[in-house]
Amino acid sequence: MKPVVMFLALATAGCGERIDETKGKSDEWDQWAREVEMKFPTADAEGHGPDVGSEEWARVLPRKLGLADKEGDEADLGSVEWRAAVEEKISRIGE
């Protein structure tokens, strides 16, 4: 049984890592991501969705906000420009 536990631990070791641009700023990134998630949830109606602040979350968010251009291009995940675009789009919701 112990090898199975070790395998599962190793297999999931990299899951949910923060995106590269935020290394060293994890606490600030996590706080920002939680605030964004409260304003614009990425989860579905049953609460299923990516871990807030994860790379998957950072990829889902701009798609749900419609920030990618028609070719699917968007600013680098986690960059100052990316975060500004996310904040601006969220601030316009409901206007």
Protein backbone atom coordinates (compact mmCIF):
# COMPACT_ATOMS: atom_id res chain seq x y z
CA MET A 1 0.00 0.00 0.00
CA LYS A 2 2.85 2.39 0.78
CA PRO A 3 4.17 2.44 -2.85
CA VAL A 4 0.72 3.53 -4.04
CA VAL A 5 0.70 6.46 -1.62
CA MET A 6 4.22 7.45 -2.70
CA PHE A 7 3.21 7.26 -6.37
CA LEU A 8 0.15 9.45 -5.78
CA ALA A 9 2.25 12.00 -3.89
CA LEU A 10 4.79 12.18 -6.69
CA ALA A 11 2.15 12.23 -9.41
CA THR A 12 0.40 15.23 -7.90
CA ALA A 13 3.51 17.12 -6.77
CA GLY A 14 3.31 19.74 -9.52
CA CYS A 15 -0.47 20.21 -9.57
CA GLY A 16 -1.76 23.68 -8.86
CA GLU A 17 1.58 25.47 -9.18
CA ARG A 18 1.52 29.24 -9.48
CA ILE A 19 2.39 30.76 -12.82
CA ASP A 20 6.01 31.78 -13.42
CA GLU A 21 5.42 35.52 -13.41
CA THR A 22 4.25 35.38 -9.80
CA LYS A 23 7.14 33.45 -8.24
CA GLY A 24 8.30 35.23 -5.13
CA LYS A 25 5.00 37.10 -4.91
CA SER A 26 2.84 34.16 -3.92
CA ASP A 27 1.02 35.83 -1.00
CA GLU A 28 0.23 38.96 -3.02
CA TRP A 29 -0.83 36.85 -6.03
CA ASP A 30 -3.05 34.63 -3.87
CA GLN A 31 -4.77 37.66 -2.33
CA TRP A 32 -5.30 39.26 -5.75
CA ALA A 33 -6.65 35.99 -7.19
CA ARG A 34 -9.10 35.56 -4.29
CA GLU A 35 -10.37 39.13 -4.75
CA VAL A 36 -10.83 38.59 -8.48
CA GLU A 37 -12.59 35.28 -7.87
CA MET A 38 -15.04 36.94 -5.47
CA LYS A 39 -15.91 39.53 -8.13
CA PHE A 40 -15.95 37.11 -11.08
CA PRO A 41 -16.24 33.42 -10.14
CA THR A 42 -14.71 30.91 -12.54
CA ALA A 43 -16.52 27.91 -11.02
CA ASP A 44 -19.66 26.46 -12.57
CA ALA A 45 -23.07 26.38 -10.87
CA GLU A 46 -22.05 23.33 -8.80
CA GLY A 47 -18.84 24.99 -7.60
CA HIS A 48 -16.52 22.98 -9.85
CA GLY A 49 -13.63 24.92 -11.25
CA PRO A 50 -9.89 25.42 -11.16
CA ASP A 51 -8.01 26.15 -7.95
CA VAL A 52 -8.03 29.92 -7.48
CA GLY A 53 -4.60 31.32 -8.34
CA SER A 54 -3.40 28.24 -10.19
CA GLU A 55 -2.13 28.35 -13.77
CA GLU A 56 -5.35 26.66 -14.89
CA TRP A 57 -7.36 29.40 -13.16
CA ALA A 58 -5.22 32.07 -14.84
CA ARG A 59 -5.94 30.50 -18.24
CA VAL A 60 -9.69 30.10 -17.63
CA LEU A 61 -10.28 33.62 -16.31
CA PRO A 62 -9.45 35.63 -19.47
CA ARG A 63 -11.38 33.17 -21.63
CA LYS A 64 -14.49 33.59 -19.48
CA LEU A 65 -13.97 37.37 -19.55
CA GLY A 66 -13.52 37.40 -23.34
CA LEU A 67 -10.07 38.99 -23.21
CA ALA A 68 -8.41 36.93 -25.94
CA ASP A 69 -8.51 38.39 -29.45
CA LYS A 70 -10.08 36.47 -32.33
CA GLU A 71 -6.83 34.55 -32.88
CA GLY A 72 -6.86 33.53 -29.21
CA ASP A 73 -3.90 35.74 -28.29
CA GLU A 74 -3.78 37.38 -24.89
CA ALA A 75 -1.21 39.09 -22.68
CA ASP A 76 1.29 36.88 -20.84
CA LEU A 77 -0.39 35.20 -17.89
CA GLY A 78 0.26 37.08 -14.68
CA SER A 79 1.95 40.04 -16.35
CA VAL A 80 1.14 43.59 -15.30
CA GLU A 81 -0.73 44.05 -18.60
CA TRP A 82 -2.69 40.83 -18.10
CA ARG A 83 -3.74 41.74 -14.57
CA ALA A 84 -4.72 45.26 -15.65
CA ALA A 85 -6.86 43.86 -18.47
CA VAL A 86 -8.57 41.44 -16.06
CA GLU A 87 -9.25 44.21 -13.53
CA GLU A 88 -10.56 46.59 -16.17
CA LYS A 89 -12.88 43.97 -17.70
CA ILE A 90 -14.25 42.99 -14.28
CA SER A 91 -14.83 46.63 -13.33
CA ARG A 92 -16.97 47.07 -16.47
CA ILE A 93 -19.26 44.13 -15.73
CA GLY A 94 -22.71 45.36 -14.90
CA GLU A 95 -22.27 48.83 -16.41
